[in-house]
PDB file of all heavy atoms in Angstrom:
ATOM      1  N   LYS A   1      41.266 100.896  86.601  1.00  0.00           N
ATOM      2  CA  LYS A   1      42.069  99.745  86.153  1.00  0.00           C
ATOM      3  C   LYS A   1      41.635  98.474  86.874  1.00  0.00           C
ATOM      4  O   LYS A   1      41.525  97.420  86.261  1.00  0.00           O
ATOM      5  CB  LYS A   1      43.542 100.025  86.385  1.00  0.00           C
ATOM      6  CG  LYS A   1      44.099 101.163  85.531  1.00  0.00           C
ATOM      7  CD  LYS A   1      45.573 101.389  85.837  1.00  0.00           C
ATOM      8  CE  LYS A   1      46.131 102.560  85.024  1.00  0.00           C
ATOM      9  NZ  LYS A   1      47.550 102.840  85.358  1.00  0.00           N
ATOM     10  N   THR A   2      41.455  98.569  88.186  1.00  0.00           N
ATOM     11  CA  THR A   2      41.029  97.419  88.977  1.00  0.00           C
ATOM     12  C   THR A   2      39.836  97.791  89.836  1.00  0.00           C
ATOM     13  O   THR A   2      39.645  98.965  90.189  1.00  0.00           O
ATOM     14  CB  THR A   2      42.178  96.895  89.867  1.00  0.00           C
ATOM     15  OG1 THR A   2      42.556  97.936  90.785  1.00  0.00           O
ATOM     16  CG2 THR A   2      43.366  96.476  89.039  1.00  0.00           C
ATOM     17  N   TRP A   3      39.026  96.766  90.189  1.00  0.00           N
ATOM     18  CA  TRP A   3      37.796  97.013  90.897  1.00  0.00           C
ATOM     19  C   TRP A   3      37.637  96.010  92.047  1.00  0.00           C
ATOM     20  O   TRP A   3      38.063  94.846  91.936  1.00  0.00           O
ATOM     21  CB  TRP A   3      36.587  96.884  89.954  1.00  0.00           C
ATOM     22  CG  TRP A   3      36.608  97.901  88.859  1.00  0.00           C
ATOM     23  CD1 TRP A   3      37.245  97.801  87.665  1.00  0.00           C
ATOM     24  CD2 TRP A   3      35.978  99.186  88.877  1.00  0.00           C
ATOM     25  NE1 TRP A   3      37.052  98.964  86.924  1.00  0.00           N
ATOM     26  CE2 TRP A   3      36.266  99.809  87.634  1.00  0.00           C
ATOM     27  CE3 TRP A   3      35.176  99.857  89.797  1.00  0.00           C
ATOM     28  CZ2 TRP A   3      35.807 101.078  87.309  1.00  0.00           C
ATOM     29  CZ3 TRP A   3      34.690 101.108  89.478  1.00  0.00           C
ATOM     30  CH2 TRP A   3      35.013 101.714  88.249  1.00  0.00           C
ATOM     31  N   ALA A   4      37.003  96.470  93.125  1.00  0.00           N
ATOM     32  CA  ALA A   4      36.699  95.607  94.262  1.00  0.00           C
ATOM     33  C   ALA A   4      35.237  95.765  94.612  1.00  0.00           C
ATOM     34  O   ALA A   4      34.699  96.896  94.629  1.00  0.00           O
ATOM     35  CB  ALA A   4      37.570  95.980  95.467  1.00  0.00           C
ATOM     36  N   HIS A   5      34.572  94.655  94.883  1.00  0.00           N
ATOM     37  CA  HIS A   5      33.185  94.703  95.314  1.00  0.00           C
ATOM     38  C   HIS A   5      33.115  95.175  96.754  1.00  0.00           C
ATOM     39  O   HIS A   5      33.826  94.664  97.618  1.00  0.00           O
ATOM     40  CB  HIS A   5      32.535  93.319  95.180  1.00  0.00           C
ATOM     41  CG  HIS A   5      31.069  93.336  95.401  1.00  0.00           C
ATOM     42  ND1 HIS A   5      30.486  93.098  96.619  1.00  0.00           N
ATOM     43  CD2 HIS A   5      30.043  93.544  94.530  1.00  0.00           C
ATOM     44  CE1 HIS A   5      29.167  93.185  96.513  1.00  0.00           C
ATOM     45  NE2 HIS A   5      28.873  93.446  95.238  1.00  0.00           N
ATOM     46  N   VAL A   6      32.250  96.184  97.017  1.00  0.00           N
ATOM     47  CA  VAL A   6      32.196  96.771  98.365  1.00  0.00           C
ATOM     48  C   VAL A   6      30.798  96.700  98.982  1.00  0.00           C
ATOM     49  O   VAL A   6      30.474  97.526  99.825  1.00  0.00           O
ATOM     50  CB  VAL A   6      32.730  98.230  98.340  1.00  0.00           C
ATOM     51  CG1 VAL A   6      34.218  98.257  98.061  1.00  0.00           C
ATOM     52  CG2 VAL A   6      31.964  99.089  97.363  1.00  0.00           C
ATOM     53  N   GLY A   7      29.993  95.753  98.547  1.00  0.00           N
ATOM     54  CA  GLY A   7      28.767  95.502  99.263  1.00  0.00           C
ATOM     55  C   GLY A   7      27.478  95.886  98.554  1.00  0.00           C
ATOM     56  O   GLY A   7      27.467  96.232  97.361  1.00  0.00           O
ATOM     57  N   LEU A   8      26.374  95.838  99.327  1.00  0.00           N
ATOM     58  CA  LEU A   8      25.013  96.132  98.879  1.00  0.00           C
ATOM     59  C   LEU A   8      24.601  95.210  97.739  1.00  0.00           C
ATOM     60  O   LEU A   8      23.917  95.623  96.809  1.00  0.00           O
ATOM     61  CB  LEU A   8      24.877  97.599  98.476  1.00  0.00           C
ATOM     62  CG  LEU A   8      25.258  98.636  99.543  1.00  0.00           C
ATOM     63  CD1 LEU A   8      24.979 100.056  99.040  1.00  0.00           C
ATOM     64  CD2 LEU A   8      24.510  98.406 100.842  1.00  0.00           C
ATOM     65  N   ARG A   9      24.960  93.967  97.852  1.00  0.00           N
ATOM     66  CA  ARG A   9      24.745  92.995  96.774  1.00  0.00           C
ATOM     67  C   ARG A   9      23.264  92.838  96.410  1.00  0.00           C
ATOM     68  O   ARG A   9      22.920  92.630  95.256  1.00  0.00           O
ATOM     69  CB  ARG A   9      25.322  91.635  97.167  1.00  0.00           C
ATOM     70  CG  ARG A   9      25.332  90.618  96.041  1.00  0.00           C
ATOM     71  CD  ARG A   9      25.978  89.311  96.493  1.00  0.00           C
ATOM     72  NE  ARG A   9      27.337  89.522  96.943  1.00  0.00           N
ATOM     73  CZ  ARG A   9      28.395  89.569  96.119  1.00  0.00           C
ATOM     74  NH1 ARG A   9      28.194  89.421  94.831  1.00  0.00           N
ATOM     75  NH2 ARG A   9      29.597  89.752  96.595  1.00  0.00           N
ATOM     76  N   ASP A  10      22.378  92.916  97.394  1.00  0.00           N
ATOM     77  CA  ASP A  10      20.962  92.624  97.142  1.00  0.00           C
ATOM     78  C   ASP A  10      20.155  93.865  96.750  1.00  0.00           C
ATOM     79  O   ASP A  10      18.942  93.801  96.690  1.00  0.00           O
ATOM     80  CB  ASP A  10      20.333  91.963  98.366  1.00  0.00           C
ATOM     81  CG  ASP A  10      19.071  91.175  98.016  1.00  0.00           C
ATOM     82  OD1 ASP A  10      19.037  90.549  96.952  1.00  0.00           O
ATOM     83  OD2 ASP A  10      18.100  91.210  98.818  1.00  0.00           O
ATOM     84  N   THR A  11      20.816  94.979  96.484  1.00  0.00           N
ATOM     85  CA  THR A  11      20.089  96.171  96.039  1.00  0.00           C
ATOM     86  C   THR A  11      19.536  96.020  94.635  1.00  0.00           C
ATOM     87  O   THR A  11      18.567  96.678  94.250  1.00  0.00           O
ATOM     88  CB  THR A  11      20.984  97.417  96.102  1.00  0.00           C
ATOM     89  OG1 THR A  11      22.184  97.156  95.362  1.00  0.00           O
ATOM     90  CG2 THR A  11      21.317  97.774  97.552  1.00  0.00           C
ATOM     91  N   MET A  12      20.154  95.205  93.819  1.00  0.00           N
ATOM     92  CA  MET A  12      19.706  94.839  92.464  1.00  0.00           C
ATOM     93  C   MET A  12      19.742  95.973  91.451  1.00  0.00           C
ATOM     94  O   MET A  12      20.346  95.864  90.399  1.00  0.00           O
ATOM     95  CB  MET A  12      18.311  94.231  92.513  1.00  0.00           C
ATOM     96  CG  MET A  12      18.239  92.877  93.159  1.00  0.00           C
ATOM     97  SD  MET A  12      19.107  91.641  92.173  1.00  0.00           S
ATOM     98  CE  MET A  12      18.788  90.165  93.099  1.00  0.00           C
ATOM     99  N   GLN A  13      19.042  97.087  91.750  1.00  0.00           N
ATOM    100  CA  GLN A  13      19.027  98.224  90.790  1.00  0.00           C
ATOM    101  C   GLN A  13      19.441  99.484  91.563  1.00  0.00           C
ATOM    102  O   GLN A  13      18.854  99.804  92.595  1.00  0.00           O
ATOM    103  CB  GLN A  13      17.638  98.452  90.188  1.00  0.00           C
ATOM    104  CG  GLN A  13      16.874  97.184  89.812  1.00  0.00           C
ATOM    105  CD  GLN A  13      17.490  96.372  88.717  1.00  0.00           C
ATOM    106  OE1 GLN A  13      17.358  95.133  88.681  1.00  0.00           O
ATOM    107  NE2 GLN A  13      18.166  97.018  87.798  1.00  0.00           N
ATOM    108  N   ILE A  14      20.437 100.210  91.053  1.00  0.00           N
ATOM    109  CA  ILE A  14      20.961 101.407  91.713  1.00  0.00           C
ATOM    110  C   ILE A  14      20.784 102.605  90.779  1.00  0.00           C
ATOM    111  O   ILE A  14      21.188 102.562  89.612  1.00  0.00           O
ATOM    112  CB  ILE A  14      22.433 101.221  92.118  1.00  0.00           C
ATOM    113  CG1 ILE A  14      22.519 100.181  93.241  1.00  0.00           C
ATOM    114  CG2 ILE A  14      23.059 102.553  92.551  1.00  0.00           C
ATOM    115  CD1 ILE A  14      23.923  99.863  93.693  1.00  0.00           C
ATOM    116  N   GLY A  15      20.175 103.682  91.292  1.00  0.00           N
ATOM    117  CA  GLY A  15      19.862 104.826  90.471  1.00  0.00           C
ATOM    118  C   GLY A  15      20.888 105.946  90.486  1.00  0.00           C
ATOM    119  O   GLY A  15      21.065 106.646  89.494  1.00  0.00           O
ATOM    120  N   ARG A  16      21.599 106.124  91.613  1.00  0.00           N
ATOM    121  CA  ARG A  16      22.510 107.252  91.702  1.00  0.00           C
ATOM    122  C   ARG A  16      23.532 107.025  92.823  1.00  0.00           C
ATOM    123  O   ARG A  16      23.204 106.418  93.843  1.00  0.00           O
ATOM    124  CB  ARG A  16      21.752 108.545  91.970  1.00  0.00           C
ATOM    125  CG  ARG A  16      22.609 109.823  91.875  1.00  0.00           C
ATOM    126  CD  ARG A  16      22.943 110.119  90.423  1.00  0.00           C
ATOM    127  NE  ARG A  16      21.772 110.525  89.667  1.00  0.00           N
ATOM    128  CZ  ARG A  16      21.763 110.731  88.356  1.00  0.00           C
ATOM    129  NH1 ARG A  16      22.870 110.533  87.659  1.00  0.00           N
ATOM    130  NH2 ARG A  16      20.665 111.087  87.729  1.00  0.00           N
ATOM    131  N   ILE A  17      24.762 107.558  92.627  1.00  0.00           N
ATOM    132  CA  ILE A  17      25.789 107.564  93.665  1.00  0.00           C
ATOM    133  C   ILE A  17      26.345 108.978  93.771  1.00  0.00           C
ATOM    134  O   ILE A  17      26.618 109.628  92.760  1.00  0.00           O
ATOM    135  CB  ILE A  17      26.922 106.588  93.346  1.00  0.00           C
ATOM    136  CG1 ILE A  17      26.400 105.150  93.312  1.00  0.00           C
ATOM    137  CG2 ILE A  17      28.065 106.710  94.357  1.00  0.00           C
ATOM    138  CD1 ILE A  17      27.447 104.119  92.950  1.00  0.00           C
ATOM    139  N   ARG A  18      26.481 109.476  94.993  1.00  0.00           N
ATOM    140  CA  ARG A  18      27.064 110.780  95.238  1.00  0.00           C
ATOM    141  C   ARG A  18      28.232 110.635  96.225  1.00  0.00           C
ATOM    142  O   ARG A  18      28.124 109.941  97.214  1.00  0.00           O
ATOM    143  CB  ARG A  18      26.045 111.750  95.820  1.00  0.00           C
ATOM    144  CG  ARG A  18      24.853 112.034  94.903  1.00  0.00           C
ATOM    145  CD  ARG A  18      25.266 112.742  93.625  1.00  0.00           C
ATOM    146  NE  ARG A  18      24.086 113.066  92.805  1.00  0.00           N
ATOM    147  CZ  ARG A  18      24.172 113.529  91.549  1.00  0.00           C
ATOM    148  NH1 ARG A  18      25.351 113.684  90.982  1.00  0.00           N
ATOM    149  NH2 ARG A  18      23.081 113.801  90.868  1.00  0.00           N
ATOM    150  N   VAL A  19      29.356 111.329  95.915  1.00  0.00           N
ATOM    151  CA  VAL A  19      30.550 111.270  96.749  1.00  0.00           C
ATOM    152  C   VAL A  19      30.782 112.665  97.360  1.00  0.00           C
ATOM    153  O   VAL A  19      30.652 113.685  96.700  1.00  0.00           O
ATOM    154  CB  VAL A  19      31.785 110.844  95.928  1.00  0.00           C
ATOM    155  CG1 VAL A  19      33.000 110.678  96.833  1.00  0.00           C
ATOM    156  CG2 VAL A  19      31.490 109.545  95.182  1.00  0.00           C
ATOM    157  N   HIS A  20      31.151 112.667  98.640  1.00  0.00           N
ATOM    158  CA  HIS A  20      31.445 113.927  99.343  1.00  0.00           C
ATOM    159  C   HIS A  20      32.560 114.669  98.601  1.00  0.00           C
ATOM    160  O   HIS A  20      33.551 114.082  98.192  1.00  0.00           O
ATOM    161  CB  HIS A  20      31.891 113.591 100.764  1.00  0.00           C
ATOM    162  CG  HIS A  20      31.936 114.773 101.675  1.00  0.00           C
ATOM    163  ND1 HIS A  20      32.945 115.724 101.619  1.00  0.00           N
ATOM    164  CD2 HIS A  20      31.115 115.155 102.687  1.00  0.00           C
ATOM    165  CE1 HIS A  20      32.742 116.639 102.539  1.00  0.00           C
ATOM    166  NE2 HIS A  20      31.616 116.310 103.202  1.00  0.00           N
ATOM    167  N   PRO A  21      32.435 115.987  98.414  1.00  0.00           N
ATOM    168  CA  PRO A  21      33.419 116.716  97.593  1.00  0.00           C
ATOM    169  C   PRO A  21      34.819 116.787  98.213  1.00  0.00           C
ATOM    170  O   PRO A  21      35.781 117.019  97.489  1.00  0.00           O
ATOM    171  CB  PRO A  21      32.800 118.126  97.477  1.00  0.00           C
ATOM    172  CG  PRO A  21      31.813 118.214  98.573  1.00  0.00           C
ATOM    173  CD  PRO A  21      31.300 116.827  98.795  1.00  0.00           C
ATOM    174  N   GLN A  22      34.938 116.589  99.538  1.00  0.00           N
ATOM    175  CA  GLN A  22      36.261 116.637 100.169  1.00  0.00           C
ATOM    176  C   GLN A  22      36.763 115.280 100.657  1.00  0.00           C
ATOM    177  O   GLN A  22      37.941 115.151 101.033  1.00  0.00           O
ATOM    178  CB  GLN A  22      36.252 117.604 101.375  1.00  0.00           C
ATOM    179  CG  GLN A  22      36.228 119.079 100.999  1.00  0.00           C
ATOM    180  CD  GLN A  22      34.841 119.597 100.740  1.00  0.00           C
ATOM    181  OE1 GLN A  22      33.902 119.284 101.494  1.00  0.00           O
ATOM    182  NE2 GLN A  22      34.692 120.408  99.705  1.00  0.00           N
ATOM    183  N   ASP A  23      35.921 114.267 100.690  1.00  0.00           N
ATOM    184  CA  ASP A  23      36.297 112.984 101.263  1.00  0.00           C
ATOM    185  C   ASP A  23      35.889 111.859 100.320  1.00  0.00           C
ATOM    186  O   ASP A  23      34.703 111.512 100.217  1.00  0.00           O
ATOM    187  CB  ASP A  23      35.621 112.804 102.627  1.00  0.00           C
ATOM    188  CG  ASP A  23      36.037 111.524 103.324  1.00  0.00           C
ATOM    189  OD1 ASP A  23      36.823 110.754 102.742  1.00  0.00           O
ATOM    190  OD2 ASP A  23      35.563 111.276 104.447  1.00  0.00           O
ATOM    191  N   PRO A  24      36.834 111.225  99.625  1.00  0.00           N
ATOM    192  CA  PRO A  24      36.494 110.168  98.664  1.00  0.00           C
ATOM    193  C   PRO A  24      35.950 108.894  99.314  1.00  0.00           C
ATOM    194  O   PRO A  24      35.420 108.033  98.607  1.00  0.00           O
ATOM    195  CB  PRO A  24      37.810 109.913  97.952  1.00  0.00           C
ATOM    196  CG  PRO A  24      38.869 110.338  98.898  1.00  0.00           C
ATOM    197  CD  PRO A  24      38.272 111.496  99.653  1.00  0.00           C
ATOM    198  N   ASP A  25      36.093 108.762 100.622  1.00  0.00           N
ATOM    199  CA  ASP A  25      35.563 107.590 101.315  1.00  0.00           C
ATOM    200  C   ASP A  25      34.131 107.791 101.821  1.00  0.00           C
ATOM    201  O   ASP A  25      33.520 106.834 102.303  1.00  0.00           O
ATOM    202  CB  ASP A  25      36.457 107.226 102.517  1.00  0.00           C
ATOM    203  CG  ASP A  25      37.808 106.691 102.059  1.00  0.00           C
ATOM    204  OD1 ASP A  25      37.883 106.140 100.961  1.00  0.00           O
ATOM    205  OD2 ASP A  25      38.788 106.823 102.828  1.00  0.00           O
ATOM    206  N   HIS A  26      33.633 109.001 101.715  1.00  0.00           N
ATOM    207  CA  HIS A  26      32.289 109.339 102.196  1.00  0.00           C
ATOM    208  C   HIS A  26      31.331 109.314 101.006  1.00  0.00           C
ATOM    209  O   HIS A  26      31.385 110.198 100.133  1.00  0.00           O
ATOM    210  CB  HIS A  26      32.303 110.717 102.853  1.00  0.00           C
ATOM    211  CG  HIS A  26      31.092 111.027 103.654  1.00  0.00           C
ATOM    212  ND1 HIS A  26      31.039 112.083 104.532  1.00  0.00           N
ATOM    213  CD2 HIS A  26      29.872 110.441 103.717  1.00  0.00           C
ATOM    214  CE1 HIS A  26      29.837 112.127 105.096  1.00  0.00           C
ATOM    215  NE2 HIS A  26      29.114 111.135 104.597  1.00  0.00           N
ATOM    216  N   VAL A  27      30.463 108.312 100.935  1.00  0.00           N
ATOM    217  CA  VAL A  27      29.687 108.093  99.725  1.00  0.00           C
ATOM    218  C   VAL A  27      28.257 107.713 100.067  1.00  0.00           C
ATOM    219  O   VAL A  27      27.991 107.095 101.120  1.00  0.00           O
ATOM    220  CB  VAL A  27      30.350 106.994  98.849  1.00  0.00           C
ATOM    221  CG1 VAL A  27      30.493 105.709  99.623  1.00  0.00           C
ATOM    222  CG2 VAL A  27      29.616 106.749  97.559  1.00  0.00           C
ATOM    223  N   TYR A  28      27.335 108.118  99.191  1.00  0.00           N
ATOM    224  CA  TYR A  28      25.908 107.817  99.361  1.00  0.00           C
ATOM    225  C   TYR A  28      25.431 107.051  98.114  1.00  0.00           C
ATOM    226  O   TYR A  28      25.850 107.358  96.985  1.00  0.00           O
ATOM    227  CB  TYR A  28      25.078 109.081  99.503  1.00  0.00           C
ATOM    228  CG  TYR A  28      25.401 109.909 100.710  1.00  0.00           C
ATOM    229  CD1 TYR A  28      26.462 110.812 100.689  1.00  0.00           C
ATOM    230  CD2 TYR A  28      24.646 109.808 101.883  1.00  0.00           C
ATOM    231  CE1 TYR A  28      26.764 111.593 101.796  1.00  0.00           C
ATOM    232  CE2 TYR A  28      24.943 110.579 102.990  1.00  0.00           C
ATOM    233  CZ  TYR A  28      25.998 111.462 102.943  1.00  0.00           C
ATOM    234  OH  TYR A  28      26.284 112.225 104.061  1.00  0.00           O
ATOM    235  N   VAL A  29      24.511 106.115  98.325  1.00  0.00           N
ATOM    236  CA  VAL A  29      23.964 105.309  97.244  1.00  0.00           C
ATOM    237  C   VAL A  29      22.442 105.340  97.302  1.00  0.00           C
ATOM    238  O   VAL A  29      21.854 105.133  98.371  1.00  0.00           O
ATOM    239  CB  VAL A  29      24.448 103.840  97.343  1.00  0.00           C
ATOM    240  CG1 VAL A  29      23.693 102.961  96.337  1.00  0.00           C
ATOM    241  CG2 VAL A  29      25.952 103.753  97.079  1.00  0.00           C
ATOM    242  N   ALA A  30      21.818 105.642  96.161  1.00  0.00           N
ATOM    243  CA  ALA A  30      20.353 105.574  96.036  1.00  0.00           C
ATOM    244  C   ALA A  30      20.018 104.244  95.369  1.00  0.00           C
ATOM    245  O   ALA A  30      20.298 104.047  94.178  1.00  0.00           O
ATOM    246  CB  ALA A  30      19.815 106.736  95.204  1.00  0.00           C
ATOM    247  N   ALA A  31      19.448 103.301  96.137  1.00  0.00           N
ATOM    248  CA  ALA A  31      19.174 101.948  95.649  1.00  0.00           C
ATOM    249  C   ALA A  31      17.696 101.745  95.479  1.00  0.00           C
ATOM    250  O   ALA A  31      16.913 101.930  96.412  1.00  0.00           O
ATOM    251  CB  ALA A  31      19.749 100.912  96.617  1.00  0.00           C
ATOM    252  N   LEU A  32      17.294 101.362  94.271  1.00  0.00           N
ATOM    253  CA  LEU A  32      15.869 101.120  93.979  1.00  0.00           C
ATOM    254  C   LEU A  32      15.411  99.785  94.536  1.00  0.00           C
ATOM    255  O   LEU A  32      14.261  99.633  94.939  1.00  0.00           O
ATOM    256  CB  LEU A  32      15.625 101.197  92.478  1.00  0.00           C
ATOM    257  CG  LEU A  32      14.191 101.041  92.004  1.00  0.00           C
ATOM    258  CD1 LEU A  32      13.302 102.146  92.583  1.00  0.00           C
ATOM    259  CD2 LEU A  32      14.119 101.068  90.474  1.00  0.00           C
ATOM    260  N   GLY A  33      16.279  98.773  94.543  1.00  0.00           N
ATOM    261  CA  GLY A  33      15.899  97.462  95.041  1.00  0.00           C
ATOM    262  C   GLY A  33      15.403  96.548  93.949  1.00  0.00           C
ATOM    263  O   GLY A  33      15.579  96.797  92.748  1.00  0.00           O
ATOM    264  N   HIS A  34      14.754  95.460  94.347  1.00  0.00           N
ATOM    265  CA  HIS A  34      14.288  94.474  93.405  1.00  0.00           C
ATOM    266  C   HIS A  34      13.209  95.037  92.462  1.00  0.00           C
ATOM    267  O   HIS A  34      12.326  95.774  92.892  1.00  0.00           O
ATOM    268  CB  HIS A  34      13.684  93.262  94.144  1.00  0.00           C
ATOM    269  CG  HIS A  34      14.711  92.432  94.832  1.00  0.00           C
ATOM    270  ND1 HIS A  34      14.527  91.088  95.097  1.00  0.00           N
ATOM    271  CD2 HIS A  34      15.938  92.720  95.317  1.00  0.00           C
ATOM    272  CE1 HIS A  34      15.586  90.605  95.708  1.00  0.00           C
ATOM    273  NE2 HIS A  34      16.458  91.580  95.858  1.00  0.00           N
ATOM    274  N   THR A  35      13.296  94.642  91.199  1.00  0.00           N
ATOM    275  CA  THR A  35      12.288  95.061  90.210  1.00  0.00           C
ATOM    276  C   THR A  35      11.008  94.256  90.335  1.00  0.00           C
ATOM    277  O   THR A  35       9.916  94.782  90.169  1.00  0.00           O
ATOM    278  CB  THR A  35      12.862  94.902  88.795  1.00  0.00           C
ATOM    279  OG1 THR A  35      14.042  95.668  88.665  1.00  0.00           O
ATOM    280  CG2 THR A  35      11.852  95.333  87.747  1.00  0.00           C
ATOM    281  N   TRP A  36      11.135  92.969  90.677  1.00  0.00           N
ATOM    282  CA  TRP A  36      10.013  92.035  90.532  1.00  0.00           C
ATOM    283  C   TRP A  36       9.335  91.704  91.875  1.00  0.00           C
ATOM    284  O   TRP A  36       8.368  90.931  91.904  1.00  0.00           O
ATOM    285  CB  TRP A  36      10.503  90.747  89.881  1.00  0.00           C
ATOM    286  CG  TRP A  36      11.174  91.014  88.578  1.00  0.00           C
ATOM    287  CD1 TRP A  36      12.511  91.162  88.355  1.00  0.00           C
ATOM    288  CD2 TRP A  36      10.552  91.249  87.302  1.00  0.00           C
ATOM    289  NE1 TRP A  36      12.759  91.435  87.033  1.00  0.00           N
ATOM    290  CE2 TRP A  36      11.564  91.488  86.378  1.00  0.00           C
ATOM    291  CE3 TRP A  36       9.228  91.242  86.868  1.00  0.00           C
ATOM    292  CZ2 TRP A  36      11.326  91.748  85.029  1.00  0.00           C
ATOM    293  CZ3 TRP A  36       8.985  91.482  85.529  1.00  0.00           C
ATOM    294  CH2 TRP A  36      10.007  91.731  84.622  1.00  0.00           C
ATOM    295  N   GLY A  37       9.807  92.300  92.960  1.00  0.00           N
ATOM    296  CA  GLY A  37       9.177  92.007  94.241  1.00  0.00           C
ATOM    297  C   GLY A  37       9.756  92.853  95.343  1.00  0.00           C
ATOM    298  O   GLY A  37      10.710  93.624  95.144  1.00  0.00           O
ATOM    299  N   ALA A  38       9.171  92.722  96.526  1.00  0.00           N
ATOM    300  CA  ALA A  38       9.609  93.506  97.681  1.00  0.00           C
ATOM    301  C   ALA A  38      10.937  92.977  98.224  1.00  0.00           C
ATOM    302  O   ALA A  38      11.233  91.786  98.147  1.00  0.00           O
ATOM    303  CB  ALA A  38       8.544  93.474  98.758  1.00  0.00           C
ATOM    304  N   ASN A  39      11.743  93.877  98.784  1.00  0.00           N
ATOM    305  CA  ASN A  39      12.952  93.474  99.515  1.00  0.00           C
ATOM    306  C   ASN A  39      13.370  94.615 100.441  1.00  0.00           C
ATOM    307  O   ASN A  39      12.961  95.761 100.261  1.00  0.00           O
ATOM    308  CB  ASN A  39      14.079  93.089  98.579  1.00  0.00           C
ATOM    309  CG  ASN A  39      14.782  94.279  97.953  1.00  0.00           C
ATOM    310  OD1 ASN A  39      14.152  95.139  97.352  1.00  0.00           O
ATOM    311  ND2 ASN A  39      16.089  94.324  98.068  1.00  0.00           N
ATOM    312  N   ALA A  40      14.181  94.290 101.403  1.00  0.00           N
ATOM    313  CA  ALA A  40      14.549  95.273 102.437  1.00  0.00           C
ATOM    314  C   ALA A  40      15.790  96.068 102.091  1.00  0.00           C
ATOM    315  O   ALA A  40      15.983  97.180 102.611  1.00  0.00           O
ATOM    316  CB  ALA A  40      14.759  94.535 103.771  1.00  0.00           C
ATOM    317  N   GLU A  41      16.653  95.550 101.228  1.00  0.00           N
ATOM    318  CA  GLU A  41      17.908  96.236 100.936  1.00  0.00           C
ATOM    319  C   GLU A  41      17.688  97.256  99.824  1.00  0.00           C
ATOM    320  O   GLU A  41      18.059  97.052  98.663  1.00  0.00           O
ATOM    321  CB  GLU A  41      19.005  95.226 100.561  1.00  0.00           C
ATOM    322  CG  GLU A  41      20.394  95.854 100.627  1.00  0.00           C
ATOM    323  CD  GLU A  41      21.502  94.796 100.596  1.00  0.00           C
ATOM    324  OE1 GLU A  41      21.220  93.619 100.814  1.00  0.00           O
ATOM    325  OE2 GLU A  41      22.651  95.188 100.341  1.00  0.00           O
ATOM    326  N   ARG A  42      17.064  98.338 100.201  1.00  0.00           N
ATOM    327  CA  ARG A  42      16.775  99.440  99.269  1.00  0.00           C
ATOM    328  C   ARG A  42      16.644 100.728 100.068  1.00  0.00           C
ATOM    329  O   ARG A  42      16.460 100.723 101.280  1.00  0.00           O
ATOM    330  CB  ARG A  42      15.517  99.163  98.463  1.00  0.00           C
ATOM    331  CG  ARG A  42      14.268  98.909  99.287  1.00  0.00           C
ATOM    332  CD  ARG A  42      13.009  98.861  98.422  1.00  0.00           C
ATOM    333  NE  ARG A  42      12.906  97.656  97.630  1.00  0.00           N
ATOM    334  CZ  ARG A  42      12.158  97.558  96.526  1.00  0.00           C
ATOM    335  NH1 ARG A  42      11.472  98.592  96.097  1.00  0.00           N
ATOM    336  NH2 ARG A  42      12.064  96.417  95.870  1.00  0.00           N
ATOM    337  N   GLY A  43      16.721 101.865  99.360  1.00  0.00           N
ATOM    338  CA  GLY A  43      16.686 103.169 100.013  1.00  0.00           C
ATOM    339  C   GLY A  43      18.009 103.885  99.847  1.00  0.00           C
ATOM    340  O   GLY A  43      18.766 103.616  98.899  1.00  0.00           O
ATOM    341  N   VAL A  44      18.327 104.822 100.747  1.00  0.00           N
ATOM    342  CA  VAL A  44      19.581 105.556 100.707  1.00  0.00           C
ATOM    343  C   VAL A  44      20.566 104.910 101.692  1.00  0.00           C
ATOM    344  O   VAL A  44      20.244 104.751 102.886  1.00  0.00           O
ATOM    345  CB  VAL A  44      19.394 107.034 101.050  1.00  0.00           C
ATOM    346  CG1 VAL A  44      20.744 107.753 101.079  1.00  0.00           C
ATOM    347  CG2 VAL A  44      18.466 107.706 100.044  1.00  0.00           C
ATOM    348  N   PHE A  45      21.736 104.567 101.198  1.00  0.00           N
ATOM    349  CA  PHE A  45      22.793 103.993 102.039  1.00  0.00           C
ATOM    350  C   PHE A  45      23.969 104.947 102.116  1.00  0.00           C
ATOM    351  O   PHE A  45      24.238 105.706 101.175  1.00  0.00           O
ATOM    352  CB  PHE A  45      23.267 102.654 101.462  1.00  0.00           C
ATOM    353  CG  PHE A  45      22.220 101.574 101.504  1.00  0.00           C
ATOM    354  CD1 PHE A  45      21.276 101.453 100.481  1.00  0.00           C
ATOM    355  CD2 PHE A  45      22.164 100.675 102.543  1.00  0.00           C
ATOM    356  CE1 PHE A  45      20.309 100.454 100.500  1.00  0.00           C
ATOM    357  CE2 PHE A  45      21.208  99.678 102.579  1.00  0.00           C
ATOM    358  CZ  PHE A  45      20.269  99.565 101.584  1.00  0.00           C
ATOM    359  N   ARG A  46      24.691 104.899 103.243  1.00  0.00           N
ATOM    360  CA  ARG A  46      25.829 105.811 103.475  1.00  0.00           C
ATOM    361  C   ARG A  46      27.023 105.012 103.981  1.00  0.00           C
ATOM    362  O   ARG A  46      26.888 104.100 104.793  1.00  0.00           O
ATOM    363  CB  ARG A  46      25.448 106.869 104.490  1.00  0.00           C
ATOM    364  CG  ARG A  46      26.564 107.840 104.889  1.00  0.00           C
ATOM    365  CD  ARG A  46      26.072 108.881 105.867  1.00  0.00           C
ATOM    366  NE  ARG A  46      25.564 108.265 107.116  1.00  0.00           N
ATOM    367  CZ  ARG A  46      24.978 108.949 108.080  1.00  0.00           C
ATOM    368  NH1 ARG A  46      24.769 110.254 107.948  1.00  0.00           N
ATOM    369  NH2 ARG A  46      24.562 108.345 109.164  1.00  0.00           N
ATOM    370  N   SER A  47      28.199 105.359 103.448  1.00  0.00           N
ATOM    371  CA  SER A  47      29.441 104.778 103.930  1.00  0.00           C
ATOM    372  C   SER A  47      30.453 105.897 104.149  1.00  0.00           C
ATOM    373  O   SER A  47      30.575 106.811 103.337  1.00  0.00           O
ATOM    374  CB  SER A  47      30.015 103.748 102.934  1.00  0.00           C
ATOM    375  OG  SER A  47      31.262 103.270 103.383  1.00  0.00           O
TER     376      SER A  47
END
């Protein structure tokens, strides 16, 4: 119903998100990064 932005703004393209089966706050993000050039905010992120 409602949404809040929670970061990783410069990842640009995100391929997959996985959530821990017992903890809804434990989450992993697979970020591809910029399509048109190099950038540092890419890879696997964990919260």
